[in-house]
N, C-alpha and C. Protein backbone atom coordinates (compact mmCIF):
# COMPACT_ATOMS: atom_id res chain seq x y z
N MET A 1 128.03 79.64 108.90
CA MET A 1 128.41 79.11 109.41
C MET A 1 128.20 78.89 110.91
N THR A 2 128.14 77.91 111.50
CA THR A 2 127.43 77.47 112.79
C THR A 2 128.07 77.56 113.79
N ASN A 3 126.76 78.52 114.43
CA ASN A 3 128.37 79.45 116.03
C ASN A 3 128.34 78.17 116.71
N LYS A 4 130.09 78.75 117.43
CA LYS A 4 130.92 78.83 118.55
C LYS A 4 129.77 78.15 119.55
N LYS A 5 129.81 77.65 120.69
CA LYS A 5 128.67 77.21 121.83
C LYS A 5 129.74 77.81 123.20
N ILE A 6 129.55 78.85 123.44
CA ILE A 6 129.24 78.97 125.72
C ILE A 6 128.12 78.80 126.10
N GLY A 7 128.97 77.71 127.09
CA GLY A 7 126.97 77.43 128.04
C GLY A 7 127.82 77.06 129.35
N ILE A 8 127.13 78.89 129.97
CA ILE A 8 126.50 78.13 131.03
C ILE A 8 125.87 77.92 132.45
N ILE A 9 126.27 76.65 133.18
CA ILE A 9 125.99 75.79 134.15
C ILE A 9 124.59 76.95 135.24
N VAL A 10 123.32 76.19 135.15
CA VAL A 10 123.06 77.49 135.67
C VAL A 10 121.82 75.78 136.69
N PHE A 11 121.27 75.96 137.25
CA PHE A 11 120.91 75.72 138.57
C PHE A 11 120.32 76.39 139.40
N ASN A 12 119.32 75.92 140.35
CA ASN A 12 118.32 76.62 141.14
C ASN A 12 118.82 77.18 142.55
N ASP A 13 119.66 78.04 143.31
CA ASP A 13 119.93 78.91 144.18
C ASP A 13 121.98 79.05 143.70
N VAL A 14 121.88 79.22 142.44
CA VAL A 14 123.15 80.00 141.89
C VAL A 14 123.84 80.86 142.62
N LEU A 15 125.05 81.32 142.61
CA LEU A 15 124.53 83.42 142.38
C LEU A 15 124.81 83.58 141.68
N THR A 16 124.06 84.70 141.62
CA THR A 16 123.62 85.27 140.27
C THR A 16 125.15 85.96 139.91
N SER A 17 125.88 86.85 140.61
CA SER A 17 126.96 87.76 139.45
C SER A 17 127.93 86.73 138.91
N GLU A 18 127.98 85.34 139.74
CA GLU A 18 129.27 84.81 138.52
C GLU A 18 128.19 83.68 137.45
N VAL A 19 126.91 83.97 137.16
CA VAL A 19 126.34 84.12 136.32
C VAL A 19 125.90 84.79 135.60
N ILE A 20 126.11 86.23 135.80
CA ILE A 20 125.69 86.89 134.86
C ILE A 20 125.90 87.73 134.11
N ALA A 21 128.07 88.08 135.21
CA ALA A 21 128.96 87.92 134.70
C ALA A 21 129.72 88.15 133.52
N PRO A 22 130.40 87.03 132.88
CA PRO A 22 130.19 85.86 131.99
C PRO A 22 129.65 86.34 130.71
N ALA A 23 127.71 85.98 131.44
CA ALA A 23 126.88 86.59 130.36
C ALA A 23 127.10 87.57 130.20
N GLU A 24 127.31 88.50 130.81
CA GLU A 24 127.31 90.11 130.23
C GLU A 24 128.60 90.25 129.78
N VAL A 25 130.11 89.05 129.65
CA VAL A 25 131.08 90.35 129.38
C VAL A 25 131.28 89.23 127.26
N LEU A 26 130.37 88.07 127.04
CA LEU A 26 130.30 87.13 126.04
C LEU A 26 129.11 87.84 125.65
N GLY A 27 128.26 88.73 125.94
CA GLY A 27 127.18 88.85 126.02
C GLY A 27 127.33 90.35 124.59
N MET A 28 127.67 91.02 125.16
CA MET A 28 129.15 92.15 124.86
C MET A 28 130.07 91.78 123.64
N ALA A 29 130.67 90.77 123.89
CA ALA A 29 131.25 90.82 122.86
C ALA A 29 131.31 90.46 121.93
N ARG A 30 129.75 89.57 122.24
CA ARG A 30 129.27 89.30 121.03
C ARG A 30 128.39 90.22 119.71
N GLN A 31 128.01 91.68 120.15
CA GLN A 31 127.50 92.91 119.14
C GLN A 31 128.49 92.84 118.50
N GLN A 32 129.48 92.82 118.72
CA GLN A 32 131.02 93.35 117.92
C GLN A 32 131.39 92.14 117.19
N SER A 33 131.73 92.83 115.74
CA SER A 33 132.35 92.04 114.74
C SER A 33 133.24 90.83 114.43
N TRP A 34 134.20 91.07 115.89
CA TRP A 34 135.47 89.44 115.82
C TRP A 34 135.11 89.19 116.06
N PHE A 35 133.87 88.98 117.06
CA PHE A 35 132.77 87.62 117.99
C PHE A 35 131.94 87.61 118.14
N ALA A 36 130.51 88.09 116.36
CA ALA A 36 130.07 87.01 116.39
C ALA A 36 129.43 86.09 116.13
N GLY A 37 130.89 85.40 115.13
CA GLY A 37 130.60 84.57 115.51
C GLY A 37 130.09 83.09 116.79
N TRP A 38 130.05 84.03 118.23
CA TRP A 38 129.80 82.50 118.92
C TRP A 38 128.72 83.34 119.78
N GLU A 39 127.65 82.32 120.42
CA GLU A 39 126.93 82.28 121.09
C GLU A 39 126.53 82.50 123.32
N VAL A 40 125.92 82.59 123.16
CA VAL A 40 126.21 82.17 125.10
C VAL A 40 124.75 81.14 125.48
N LEU A 41 125.00 80.35 126.21
CA LEU A 41 123.45 80.13 126.25
C LEU A 41 124.23 79.58 128.04
N LEU A 42 122.65 79.17 128.92
CA LEU A 42 122.86 79.37 130.45
C LEU A 42 122.21 77.59 129.87
N ILE A 43 122.81 76.48 130.99
CA ILE A 43 122.56 75.20 129.95
C ILE A 43 121.84 74.82 132.19
N GLY A 44 120.35 74.35 132.07
CA GLY A 44 119.47 74.14 132.78
C GLY A 44 121.07 72.50 133.16
N VAL A 45 120.69 72.58 135.01
CA VAL A 45 121.16 70.81 135.37
C VAL A 45 119.85 69.39 135.57
N GLU A 46 118.90 70.62 135.96
CA GLU A 46 117.94 69.96 136.00
C GLU A 46 117.07 70.63 134.45
N PRO A 47 115.71 69.50 134.33
CA PRO A 47 114.62 70.24 133.30
C PRO A 47 113.39 70.88 133.05
N GLN A 48 113.99 72.31 133.29
CA GLN A 48 112.79 72.64 133.38
C GLN A 48 113.33 74.34 132.56
N PRO A 49 112.51 75.02 133.09
CA PRO A 49 112.56 76.56 132.14
C PRO A 49 112.90 77.81 132.39
N THR A 50 112.90 77.30 134.00
CA THR A 50 113.26 78.45 134.49
C THR A 50 114.74 78.26 135.74
N ILE A 51 114.92 78.88 136.07
CA ILE A 51 116.16 78.98 136.95
C ILE A 51 115.97 80.19 138.42
N THR A 52 116.09 80.08 139.75
CA THR A 52 115.98 80.44 140.94
C THR A 52 117.46 80.84 140.90
N THR A 53 118.20 82.05 141.36
CA THR A 53 119.47 81.95 141.50
C THR A 53 119.07 82.53 143.68
N ALA A 54 120.10 82.39 144.39
CA ALA A 54 120.31 82.97 145.49
C ALA A 54 120.33 83.82 145.92
N GLU A 55 119.78 84.77 144.54
CA GLU A 55 119.99 86.22 145.49
C GLU A 55 118.09 86.07 145.28
N GLY A 56 117.06 85.61 144.44
CA GLY A 56 115.66 84.87 144.05
C GLY A 56 115.80 85.80 142.71
N VAL A 57 117.04 86.10 142.21
CA VAL A 57 116.57 86.45 140.44
C VAL A 57 116.54 85.27 139.44
N MET A 58 114.93 84.78 138.97
CA MET A 58 114.62 83.84 138.04
C MET A 58 115.26 84.18 136.37
N LEU A 59 115.51 83.55 135.81
CA LEU A 59 116.89 83.36 134.52
C LEU A 59 115.47 81.98 133.55
N GLY A 60 115.71 82.22 132.65
CA GLY A 60 115.82 81.77 131.74
C GLY A 60 116.68 80.59 131.39
N VAL A 61 116.69 79.12 130.89
CA VAL A 61 117.25 78.15 129.81
C VAL A 61 117.10 77.94 128.84
N ASP A 62 118.75 77.65 128.71
CA ASP A 62 119.03 77.94 127.17
C ASP A 62 118.41 76.07 126.36
N ALA A 63 118.25 75.53 127.33
CA ALA A 63 119.05 74.33 127.45
C ALA A 63 119.79 72.82 128.58
N THR A 64 119.79 71.74 128.48
CA THR A 64 119.97 71.38 129.82
C THR A 64 121.68 71.01 129.14
N ILE A 65 120.86 69.54 130.51
CA ILE A 65 123.48 69.25 130.17
C ILE A 65 122.38 67.57 129.73
N ALA A 66 120.87 67.64 129.68
CA ALA A 66 120.76 66.22 128.40
C ALA A 66 120.37 66.08 127.30
N ASP A 67 120.50 67.57 126.70
CA ASP A 67 120.66 67.66 125.60
C ASP A 67 121.57 67.08 124.35
N ASP A 68 122.44 67.00 123.78
CA ASP A 68 123.41 66.15 122.65
C ASP A 68 123.82 67.77 122.86
N MET A 69 125.01 67.96 122.98
CA MET A 69 125.21 69.04 122.65
C MET A 69 127.07 69.35 122.61
N ALA A 70 126.99 70.80 121.75
CA ALA A 70 128.97 69.72 121.98
C ALA A 70 128.75 71.46 122.79
N LEU A 71 130.36 72.50 123.84
CA LEU A 71 129.93 73.22 123.65
C LEU A 71 132.16 73.51 123.10
N ASP A 72 132.11 74.54 122.38
CA ASP A 72 133.75 74.94 122.67
C ASP A 72 134.01 75.74 124.55
N VAL A 73 133.16 76.52 125.08
CA VAL A 73 133.63 77.25 126.36
C VAL A 73 132.37 76.38 127.03
N LEU A 74 133.42 75.60 128.64
CA LEU A 74 131.90 75.65 129.65
C LEU A 74 132.83 76.33 130.90
N LEU A 75 131.52 76.84 131.52
CA LEU A 75 131.57 77.33 132.55
C LEU A 75 131.00 77.14 133.49
N VAL A 76 130.95 76.82 134.75
CA VAL A 76 130.69 76.52 135.69
C VAL A 76 130.19 77.31 137.59
N PRO A 77 129.43 78.38 136.97
CA PRO A 77 129.84 79.09 138.63
C PRO A 77 129.59 78.79 139.86
N GLY A 78 129.84 79.05 140.79
CA GLY A 78 129.33 78.41 142.01
C GLY A 78 127.83 78.28 143.30
N ALA A 79 127.50 78.05 144.46
CA ALA A 79 126.40 78.59 145.17
C ALA A 79 126.83 78.27 147.01
N ASN A 80 125.87 78.02 147.57
CA ASN A 80 127.01 78.70 149.49
C ASN A 80 126.44 77.32 149.39
N GLU A 81 125.21 76.01 148.70
CA GLU A 81 125.46 74.63 149.20
C GLU A 81 125.55 73.60 147.52
N MET A 82 126.84 73.09 147.72
CA MET A 82 127.30 72.22 146.50
C MET A 82 126.99 70.99 146.50
N ASP A 83 126.91 69.98 147.65
CA ASP A 83 126.78 69.02 147.25
C ASP A 83 125.88 68.32 146.38
N HIS A 84 125.40 68.51 146.47
CA HIS A 84 123.57 67.61 145.92
C HIS A 84 124.18 67.85 144.16
N LEU A 85 125.19 68.66 143.81
CA LEU A 85 125.61 69.49 142.96
C LEU A 85 126.73 67.88 142.81
N LEU A 86 128.17 68.32 143.63
CA LEU A 86 128.73 67.19 143.99
C LEU A 86 128.81 66.03 143.82
N GLN A 87 127.09 64.97 143.99
CA GLN A 87 127.19 63.45 143.72
C GLN A 87 126.12 63.47 142.16
N ASN A 88 126.03 65.02 141.53
CA ASN A 88 124.75 64.27 139.99
C ASN A 88 125.75 63.90 139.36
N GLU A 89 125.64 62.69 139.02
CA GLU A 89 126.79 62.52 138.36
C GLU A 89 126.06 62.56 136.90
N ALA A 90 124.52 62.44 136.57
CA ALA A 90 124.48 63.59 134.89
C ALA A 90 125.41 64.78 134.32
N LEU A 91 125.75 65.57 135.88
CA LEU A 91 126.15 66.63 135.56
C LEU A 91 128.09 66.39 135.56
N ASN A 92 128.33 64.74 136.35
CA ASN A 92 129.81 65.48 135.54
C ASN A 92 130.02 64.25 135.14
N ALA A 93 129.53 63.91 134.32
CA ALA A 93 129.76 63.18 133.30
C ALA A 93 129.68 63.78 131.96
N PHE A 94 128.17 65.46 132.18
CA PHE A 94 128.29 65.91 131.13
C PHE A 94 129.58 66.62 130.56
N ILE A 95 130.57 67.12 132.11
CA ILE A 95 131.89 68.48 132.93
C ILE A 95 132.34 67.02 131.73
N ARG A 96 133.25 65.91 131.93
CA ARG A 96 133.44 65.39 131.33
C ARG A 96 133.42 64.92 129.56
N ARG A 97 132.62 65.15 129.86
CA ARG A 97 132.55 65.02 127.90
C ARG A 97 132.45 66.01 127.18
N GLN A 98 132.01 67.78 127.65
CA GLN A 98 133.11 68.64 127.49
C GLN A 98 134.43 69.41 126.96
N GLU A 99 134.89 68.88 128.36
CA GLU A 99 136.60 68.75 128.17
C GLU A 99 136.92 67.83 127.11
N GLU A 100 136.40 67.09 126.74
CA GLU A 100 136.77 66.50 125.42
C GLU A 100 137.57 67.18 124.52
N THR A 101 136.20 68.20 124.60
CA THR A 101 136.27 68.62 123.26
C THR A 101 136.43 71.08 123.37
N ALA A 102 136.31 70.63 124.24
CA ALA A 102 136.80 72.49 124.54
C ALA A 102 137.13 72.91 124.55
N GLN A 103 137.53 74.61 124.24
CA GLN A 103 139.65 75.37 123.90
C GLN A 103 138.90 76.01 125.29
N TRP A 104 138.44 75.62 126.36
CA TRP A 104 138.25 76.44 127.79
C TRP A 104 137.33 75.77 128.68
N LEU A 105 137.22 76.22 128.83
CA LEU A 105 136.99 75.04 130.84
C LEU A 105 136.70 76.70 131.77
N GLY A 106 135.20 76.74 132.55
CA GLY A 106 135.90 77.79 133.73
C GLY A 106 135.07 78.01 134.59
N SER A 107 135.39 78.47 135.25
CA SER A 107 135.27 78.34 137.34
C SER A 107 134.87 79.75 137.78
N ASN A 108 133.78 79.83 138.66
CA ASN A 108 133.88 80.98 139.50
C ASN A 108 133.71 80.06 141.17
N CYS A 109 134.30 80.63 141.44
CA CYS A 109 133.87 79.78 143.26
C CYS A 109 133.87 78.44 143.16
N SER A 110 133.05 78.47 143.66
CA SER A 110 132.68 76.79 144.09
C SER A 110 133.00 76.75 143.54
N GLY A 111 132.78 76.52 141.55
CA GLY A 111 131.92 76.22 140.42
C GLY A 111 133.50 75.46 140.34
N ALA A 112 134.89 75.60 141.56
CA ALA A 112 135.67 74.84 140.97
C ALA A 112 135.90 73.05 141.11
N PHE A 113 135.10 73.15 142.16
CA PHE A 113 135.14 72.05 143.25
C PHE A 113 133.96 71.06 142.17
N LEU A 114 133.56 71.74 141.54
CA LEU A 114 132.11 71.06 139.76
C LEU A 114 133.32 70.29 139.51
N LEU A 115 134.65 71.00 138.63
CA LEU A 115 135.26 70.66 138.41
C LEU A 115 136.73 69.54 138.48
N ALA A 116 136.40 69.91 139.59
CA ALA A 116 137.91 68.87 140.77
C ALA A 116 136.71 67.01 140.46
N GLN A 117 135.09 67.39 141.32
CA GLN A 117 134.65 66.11 140.88
C GLN A 117 135.29 65.39 140.08
N ALA A 118 134.76 66.67 138.64
CA ALA A 118 134.40 65.24 137.31
C ALA A 118 135.73 65.17 137.06
N GLY A 119 136.85 65.73 138.05
CA GLY A 119 138.55 65.35 137.29
C GLY A 119 139.72 65.46 136.50
N VAL A 120 138.71 66.97 136.15
CA VAL A 120 139.14 68.05 133.85
C VAL A 120 140.48 68.93 135.12
N LEU A 121 140.85 68.78 136.49
CA LEU A 121 141.21 70.09 137.73
C LEU A 121 142.98 68.86 137.91
N ALA A 122 142.52 67.47 137.27
CA ALA A 122 143.71 67.19 138.53
C ALA A 122 144.41 67.08 137.13
N GLY A 123 146.13 68.12 138.52
CA GLY A 123 146.88 68.68 137.86
C GLY A 123 147.21 69.50 137.35
N LYS A 124 146.41 70.16 137.84
CA LYS A 124 146.01 71.61 137.21
C LYS A 124 145.99 72.80 137.87
N ARG A 125 146.38 73.56 137.58
CA ARG A 125 146.23 74.99 138.55
C ARG A 125 145.28 76.14 138.63
N ALA A 126 144.22 76.15 140.18
CA ALA A 126 143.56 76.63 140.08
C ALA A 126 143.02 76.68 141.51
N THR A 127 141.96 77.37 141.77
CA THR A 127 141.66 78.53 142.28
C THR A 127 139.47 78.93 143.04
N THR A 128 139.49 78.45 144.13
CA THR A 128 138.20 79.06 144.30
C THR A 128 137.15 80.05 145.14
N TRP A 129 137.07 80.17 145.38
CA TRP A 129 136.46 82.06 146.88
C TRP A 129 137.47 81.94 147.30
N PHE A 130 138.24 82.82 147.71
CA PHE A 130 138.19 83.32 148.73
C PHE A 130 139.05 83.57 150.18
N GLY A 131 139.34 81.37 150.91
CA GLY A 131 138.96 81.84 151.66
C GLY A 131 138.11 79.80 151.49
N GLY A 132 138.46 80.02 150.52
CA GLY A 132 138.13 78.04 149.92
C GLY A 132 138.86 77.39 149.89
N GLU A 133 140.06 77.97 149.37
CA GLU A 133 141.37 77.41 148.30
C GLU A 133 141.99 76.34 149.64
N ALA A 134 141.59 76.29 150.42
CA ALA A 134 141.96 74.93 151.77
C ALA A 134 141.77 73.66 151.74
N GLN A 135 139.83 74.61 151.66
CA GLN A 135 138.94 73.29 151.23
C GLN A 135 139.03 72.07 150.63
N LEU A 136 139.50 72.48 148.90
CA LEU A 136 139.30 72.52 148.02
C LEU A 136 141.28 71.61 147.81
N GLN A 137 141.63 71.74 148.19
CA GLN A 137 142.91 71.59 148.09
C GLN A 137 143.15 70.43 149.30
N ALA A 138 142.18 70.05 150.51
CA ALA A 138 142.01 69.33 151.11
C ALA A 138 141.14 67.83 150.52
N GLN A 139 140.02 68.47 149.25
CA GLN A 139 139.00 67.67 149.34
C GLN A 139 139.31 67.44 147.91
N PHE A 140 140.36 67.60 147.38
CA PHE A 140 140.74 67.34 145.63
C PHE A 140 142.01 67.63 145.84
N PRO A 141 143.03 66.69 146.60
CA PRO A 141 144.77 67.62 146.14
C PRO A 141 145.49 66.59 145.17
N GLU A 142 144.97 66.00 144.75
CA GLU A 142 145.21 66.19 143.30
C GLU A 142 145.43 67.58 141.84
N VAL A 143 144.58 68.21 142.33
CA VAL A 143 144.58 69.65 142.35
C VAL A 143 145.65 70.65 142.55
N GLN A 144 146.73 70.96 142.29
CA GLN A 144 147.41 72.32 141.96
C GLN A 144 146.64 73.60 142.73
N VAL A 145 146.35 73.84 144.39
CA VAL A 145 145.32 74.56 143.99
C VAL A 145 146.06 76.72 144.64
N GLN A 146 146.38 77.58 144.67
CA GLN A 146 146.96 78.07 143.81
C GLN A 146 145.58 79.33 145.94
N PHE A 147 146.35 79.20 146.03
CA PHE A 147 145.55 80.51 147.29
C PHE A 147 146.10 82.35 146.88
N ASP A 148 145.13 83.00 147.60
CA ASP A 148 145.15 84.45 146.80
C ASP A 148 145.41 84.82 146.16
N VAL A 149 144.91 83.89 144.51
CA VAL A 149 144.94 84.98 143.88
C VAL A 149 143.67 84.83 142.43
N PRO A 150 142.61 85.50 142.60
CA PRO A 150 142.35 86.10 142.24
C PRO A 150 141.26 85.07 141.10
N VAL A 151 142.18 85.04 139.93
CA VAL A 151 141.76 85.11 138.32
C VAL A 151 143.36 83.18 138.27
N VAL A 152 143.27 82.33 137.88
CA VAL A 152 144.34 81.54 137.70
C VAL A 152 144.19 81.16 136.95
N VAL A 153 144.59 80.97 135.50
CA VAL A 153 144.74 80.76 133.80
C VAL A 153 145.94 78.71 134.16
N ASP A 154 144.85 78.12 133.74
CA ASP A 154 146.46 76.63 133.33
C ASP A 154 145.51 75.90 132.62
N ASN A 155 146.23 76.09 131.12
CA ASN A 155 146.19 74.15 130.87
C ASN A 155 144.21 74.38 129.98
N ARG A 156 143.92 75.79 129.31
CA ARG A 156 142.48 76.08 128.78
C ARG A 156 141.51 76.29 130.54
N ARG A 157 142.32 75.80 131.28
CA ARG A 157 141.74 76.60 132.33
C ARG A 157 141.50 77.17 132.61
N VAL A 158 140.47 78.60 132.90
CA VAL A 158 140.87 79.28 133.49
C VAL A 158 139.14 79.57 134.91
N THR A 159 139.56 79.34 135.87
CA THR A 159 139.02 79.72 138.10
C THR A 159 139.60 81.27 138.96
N ALA A 160 138.71 80.98 139.16
CA ALA A 160 138.40 82.58 139.84
C ALA A 160 138.02 82.44 141.06
N ASN A 161 137.87 83.69 141.58
CA ASN A 161 137.36 83.41 143.07
C ASN A 161 135.83 83.28 143.24
N GLY A 162 135.96 84.65 141.87
CA GLY A 162 133.27 84.24 142.35
C GLY A 162 132.94 85.89 142.52
N GLY A 163 132.49 86.13 142.70
CA GLY A 163 131.70 87.02 143.29
C GLY A 163 132.64 87.98 141.54
N LEU A 164 132.61 89.59 142.05
CA LEU A 164 132.84 90.36 141.40
C LEU A 164 133.61 90.43 141.33
N VAL A 165 135.22 89.45 141.16
CA VAL A 165 135.73 88.60 140.36
C VAL A 165 135.52 88.34 139.08
N SER A 166 134.70 87.36 139.50
CA SER A 166 133.69 87.01 137.89
C SER A 166 133.81 87.89 137.10
N TYR A 167 133.47 89.28 136.50
CA TYR A 167 134.60 89.73 135.72
C TYR A 167 135.41 90.20 134.69
N ARG A 168 136.60 89.84 135.53
CA ARG A 168 137.55 90.20 135.82
C ARG A 168 137.65 88.47 135.01
N ALA A 169 137.40 87.68 135.74
CA ALA A 169 137.66 85.92 135.36
C ALA A 169 137.19 86.34 133.52
N ALA A 170 136.09 86.53 133.15
CA ALA A 170 135.33 86.72 131.47
C ALA A 170 135.96 87.46 130.58
N LEU A 171 136.82 88.14 130.71
CA LEU A 171 137.06 89.60 130.83
C LEU A 171 138.63 88.44 130.12
N VAL A 172 140.11 87.44 131.57
CA VAL A 172 140.77 86.56 130.94
C VAL A 172 140.40 85.41 129.76
N LEU A 173 139.03 85.42 130.09
CA LEU A 173 138.46 84.02 129.49
C LEU A 173 138.91 85.85 128.03
N LEU A 174 137.40 85.90 127.74
CA LEU A 174 137.64 87.06 126.12
C LEU A 174 139.14 86.61 125.53
N ALA A 175 139.99 87.18 126.58
CA ALA A 175 141.00 87.50 125.62
C ALA A 175 141.90 87.13 125.58
N GLN A 176 141.88 85.15 125.91
CA GLN A 176 142.23 84.06 125.62
C GLN A 176 140.89 83.30 123.96
N LEU A 177 140.47 84.06 124.44
CA LEU A 177 139.33 83.58 122.68
C LEU A 177 139.47 85.02 121.74
N SER A 178 139.65 86.08 122.07
CA SER A 178 139.79 86.64 120.88
C SER A 178 141.30 87.66 120.27
N SER A 179 141.39 88.70 121.48
CA SER A 179 142.62 89.29 121.72
C SER A 179 143.03 89.67 122.93
N PRO A 180 144.03 90.12 123.92
CA PRO A 180 143.75 91.03 124.83
C PRO A 180 143.28 92.16 124.88
N GLU A 181 143.71 93.14 123.58
CA GLU A 181 143.35 93.83 123.55
C GLU A 181 141.39 94.42 122.55
N GLN A 182 141.20 93.00 122.12
CA GLN A 182 139.66 93.17 122.15
C GLN A 182 138.34 92.55 123.12
N ALA A 183 139.26 92.40 124.86
CA ALA A 183 138.86 92.53 125.81
C ALA A 183 139.06 93.78 126.57
N TYR A 184 140.29 94.43 126.20
CA TYR A 184 140.28 95.63 126.72
C TYR A 184 139.20 96.71 126.62
N GLN A 185 138.44 96.80 125.38
CA GLN A 185 137.68 97.17 125.10
C GLN A 185 135.82 96.92 125.93
N LEU A 186 135.72 96.06 125.71
CA LEU A 186 134.76 96.04 127.06
C LEU A 186 135.33 96.15 128.16
N TYR A 187 136.27 96.38 128.71
CA TYR A 187 136.81 96.24 130.14
C TYR A 187 135.68 98.41 129.53
N GLN A 188 137.03 98.61 129.03
CA GLN A 188 136.84 99.53 128.51
C GLN A 188 134.99 100.54 128.95
N ALA A 189 134.43 99.56 127.78
CA ALA A 189 133.14 99.57 128.04
C ALA A 189 132.18 99.59 129.35
N LEU A 190 132.45 98.93 129.92
CA LEU A 190 132.36 98.34 131.34
C LEU A 190 132.77 99.37 133.20
N HIS A 191 133.01 100.41 132.24
CA HIS A 191 133.49 101.11 132.87
C HIS A 191 133.98 100.37 134.84
N ILE A 192 135.22 99.24 134.16
CA ILE A 192 135.15 97.95 135.47
C ILE A 192 136.05 98.93 136.45
N ASP A 193 136.94 99.37 135.80
CA ASP A 193 137.87 100.49 137.05
C ASP A 193 137.65 101.04 137.04
N ARG A 194 135.71 101.84 136.97
CA ARG A 194 135.47 102.69 137.78
C ARG A 194 134.63 102.23 139.59
N LEU A 195 134.51 101.08 138.98
CA LEU A 195 134.13 100.36 140.51
C LEU A 195 135.07 101.07 142.20
N GLY A 196 137.04 100.72 141.82
CA GLY A 196 136.95 102.58 143.24
C GLY A 196 137.07 100.87 144.89
N SER A 197 137.81 102.14 145.01
CA SER A 197 137.84 101.57 146.61
C SER A 197 137.43 101.34 147.41
N TRP A 198 137.71 100.55 148.85
CA TRP A 198 136.02 100.99 150.50
C TRP A 198 136.26 102.44 150.43
N ALA A 199 137.03 102.91 150.17
CA ALA A 199 137.55 104.60 150.11
C ALA A 199 136.24 104.91 149.54
N ASP A 200 136.19 105.21 147.97
CA ASP A 200 135.28 105.97 147.06
C ASP A 200 133.65 105.44 147.44
N VAL A 201 133.52 104.40 148.21
CA VAL A 201 132.60 104.13 148.78
C VAL A 201 132.17 104.27 150.67
N GLU A 202 132.40 105.63 151.11
CA GLU A 202 132.43 105.37 152.37
C GLU A 202 132.30 107.26 152.33
N ALA A 203 133.35 107.77 150.82
CA ALA A 203 133.66 109.43 150.11
C ALA A 203 131.89 109.20 150.44
N ASP A 204 131.50 108.77 148.71
CA ASP A 204 130.13 108.42 148.14
C ASP A 204 129.36 108.90 149.91
N LEU A 205 129.41 107.86 151.22
CA LEU A 205 128.36 108.07 151.80
C LEU A 205 128.54 109.29 152.79
N GLY A 206 129.85 110.12 152.24
CA GLY A 206 129.66 111.74 153.00
C GLY A 206 131.41 111.02 155.04
N PHE A 207 131.40 109.88 154.49
CA PHE A 207 132.43 109.72 155.61
C PHE A 207 134.17 110.21 155.07
N GLY A 208 134.27 110.41 154.03
CA GLY A 208 135.11 110.57 153.10
C GLY A 208 135.44 111.30 153.66
């Protein structure tokens, strides 16, 4: 049986957590019998074997947007500087091509701008990084931007604020691909409920 493919777009200066979060959640799910038929691929924008994230982490690339592939899920992370990616017609075309057949599309942080630039968020509810919603709405008025909502699900799209919220978005996506009960297993395995509040951090520092 051919594995179903989840592709995560990667490029130099991508924000690390927005790649690692879905890769970890969905990679852990692959170790379960109920998700064993999936594979997770890092798909480079440029023809290079590795990329370096904004935080200086080097990641290997499994394929590039120039490869002939059909994905079941496409995820687009963000970066601090997106203009060169928005102007990359090959990337825009790749996103549009995958949208035609993929079960789900997703973005973290400013990755929503790439989905919007490719035209696949028109008429859809979506979000971007916390505080960037007005910019997304102004730049892409055809998108129904949701303000102050960490994760938005609409018509085969999952968009999220990014950062650590990328883990939450990945769990939401996993629940769509499997079931809420199975996604909850991963939530428990990751101990996300233990993150707590800033008051907990202050207590760790001895301020509480």
